[in-house]
Amino acid sequence: MSVIEEGAKKSGILWLHLDRPRLAWHVWHEGAIYLVTGGEEQDLPGLVGRDSVRVTLRSKDNGAELVAFDARVEVVDQAAAADAVAALAKERLNARDAARLTDRWSVSSAVVRLTP
């Protein structure tokens, strides 16, 4: 298991270097990091439309930087990436509409795959 995979699996948050460092929740699924942005979800300005982004994973134990890397950014078709979307929905804490969460995402949010 790579340091990136291990770090992404152990911690549900990461830092994206956008207009400034931004904290984001995510899931690791089939070799990539998936996250959701827009609508009522986390605001990650400028992520959609980029080719790549710098990602920093921190240790869950002590918060120290574990690894930083560049990742390819790709907005995914939510129907085609149903397994990844389901994994994201499972990890989404405190959703006001958990039963309809993925329906809301399909209308107002983007699901993004970050591939190291």
Protein backbone atom coordinates (compact mmCIF):
# COMPACT_ATOMS: atom_id res chain seq x y z
CA MET A 1 0.00 0.00 0.00
CA SER A 2 1.40 3.41 -0.95
CA VAL A 3 1.80 6.27 1.52
CA ILE A 4 -0.90 8.17 -0.39
CA GLU A 5 -3.40 5.31 -0.23
CA GLU A 6 -2.66 4.61 3.42
CA GLY A 7 -2.95 8.28 4.40
CA ALA A 8 -6.16 8.79 2.42
CA LYS A 9 -7.76 5.70 3.94
CA LYS A 10 -6.81 6.54 7.52
CA SER A 11 -8.03 10.13 7.50
CA GLY A 12 -11.25 11.44 6.02
CA ILE A 13 -9.84 14.93 5.49
CA LEU A 14 -7.13 16.47 3.34
CA TRP A 15 -5.87 19.88 2.26
CA LEU A 16 -6.24 21.20 -1.29
CA HIS A 17 -4.08 24.09 -2.46
CA LEU A 18 -6.58 26.30 -4.29
CA ASP A 19 -6.93 30.07 -3.78
CA ARG A 20 -5.60 29.20 -0.31
CA PRO A 21 -5.20 25.88 1.49
CA ARG A 22 -8.68 24.42 1.94
CA LEU A 23 -9.73 21.55 4.16
CA ALA A 24 -11.96 18.96 2.48
CA TRP A 25 -13.53 15.66 3.46
CA HIS A 26 -13.17 12.78 1.03
CA VAL A 27 -13.10 9.01 0.54
CA TRP A 28 -10.48 6.75 -1.03
CA HIS A 29 -12.10 4.47 -3.58
CA GLU A 30 -10.46 2.20 -6.15
CA GLY A 31 -7.13 3.99 -6.39
CA ALA A 32 -8.33 7.58 -6.21
CA ILE A 33 -9.65 10.24 -3.87
CA TYR A 34 -13.27 11.29 -4.35
CA LEU A 35 -14.91 14.38 -2.94
CA VAL A 36 -18.02 16.45 -3.50
CA THR A 37 -18.18 20.23 -3.92
CA GLY A 38 -20.82 22.82 -4.64
CA GLY A 39 -24.46 23.28 -3.75
CA GLU A 40 -24.90 22.73 -0.02
CA GLU A 41 -21.63 20.80 0.22
CA GLN A 42 -18.08 21.98 0.87
CA ASP A 43 -17.04 25.01 -1.11
CA LEU A 44 -13.82 24.32 -3.01
CA PRO A 45 -13.58 27.33 -5.34
CA GLY A 46 -11.65 26.77 -8.51
CA LEU A 47 -11.33 22.99 -8.16
CA VAL A 48 -13.79 22.18 -10.94
CA GLY A 49 -12.18 23.18 -14.20
CA ARG A 50 -8.58 22.60 -13.09
CA ASP A 51 -6.34 19.96 -14.62
CA SER A 52 -4.43 19.30 -11.40
CA VAL A 53 -4.27 20.30 -7.76
CA ARG A 54 -1.72 20.00 -4.97
CA VAL A 55 -2.98 17.72 -2.18
CA THR A 56 -1.59 17.41 1.33
CA LEU A 57 -2.42 14.48 3.58
CA ARG A 58 -1.67 14.79 7.28
CA SER A 59 -1.15 12.11 9.88
CA LYS A 60 -4.30 11.27 11.79
CA ASP A 61 -2.15 10.58 14.85
CA ASN A 62 -0.28 13.85 15.23
CA GLY A 63 -1.35 16.17 12.38
CA ALA A 64 2.10 16.31 10.83
CA GLU A 65 2.37 16.39 7.05
CA LEU A 66 2.40 12.82 5.80
CA VAL A 67 2.70 13.43 2.06
CA ALA A 68 2.04 16.17 -0.50
CA PHE A 69 1.48 15.37 -4.16
CA ASP A 70 -0.09 16.63 -7.37
CA ALA A 71 -3.31 14.96 -8.44
CA ARG A 72 -5.19 14.98 -11.71
CA VAL A 73 -8.65 16.55 -11.31
CA GLU A 74 -11.65 15.03 -13.07
CA VAL A 75 -15.36 15.72 -12.56
CA VAL A 76 -17.07 12.35 -12.80
CA ASP A 77 -20.45 11.37 -14.13
CA GLN A 78 -22.26 10.50 -10.92
CA ALA A 79 -24.32 7.72 -12.48
CA ALA A 80 -21.23 6.11 -14.00
CA ALA A 81 -19.35 6.41 -10.70
CA ALA A 82 -22.23 5.10 -8.57
CA ASP A 83 -20.00 3.03 -6.28
CA ALA A 84 -17.79 6.03 -5.49
CA VAL A 85 -20.83 8.26 -4.94
CA ALA A 86 -22.30 5.65 -2.57
CA ALA A 87 -19.01 5.54 -0.66
CA LEU A 88 -19.05 9.34 -0.37
CA ALA A 89 -22.66 9.36 0.83
CA LYS A 90 -21.85 6.74 3.46
CA GLU A 91 -19.09 8.94 4.88
CA ARG A 92 -21.07 12.21 4.75
CA LEU A 93 -21.68 13.20 8.36
CA ASN A 94 -24.68 15.19 9.55
CA ALA A 95 -26.44 15.41 6.18
CA ARG A 96 -29.83 17.08 6.58
CA ASP A 97 -31.36 14.83 3.94
CA ALA A 98 -29.38 11.59 4.10
CA ALA A 99 -32.07 9.60 2.28
CA ARG A 100 -31.97 11.95 -0.74
CA LEU A 101 -28.36 13.06 -0.52
CA THR A 102 -27.16 11.59 -3.81
CA ASP A 103 -30.22 12.96 -5.63
CA ARG A 104 -29.34 16.43 -4.35
CA TRP A 105 -25.72 16.00 -5.42
CA SER A 106 -26.76 15.05 -8.94
CA VAL A 107 -28.59 18.37 -9.27
CA SER A 108 -26.42 20.85 -7.40
CA SER A 109 -22.95 19.43 -6.75
CA ALA A 110 -19.95 18.00 -8.57
CA VAL A 111 -18.26 14.76 -7.61
CA VAL A 112 -14.54 15.04 -8.29
CA ARG A 113 -11.92 12.30 -8.64
CA LEU A 114 -8.35 13.18 -7.68
CA THR A 115 -5.88 10.70 -9.12
CA PRO A 116 -2.33 10.80 -7.75
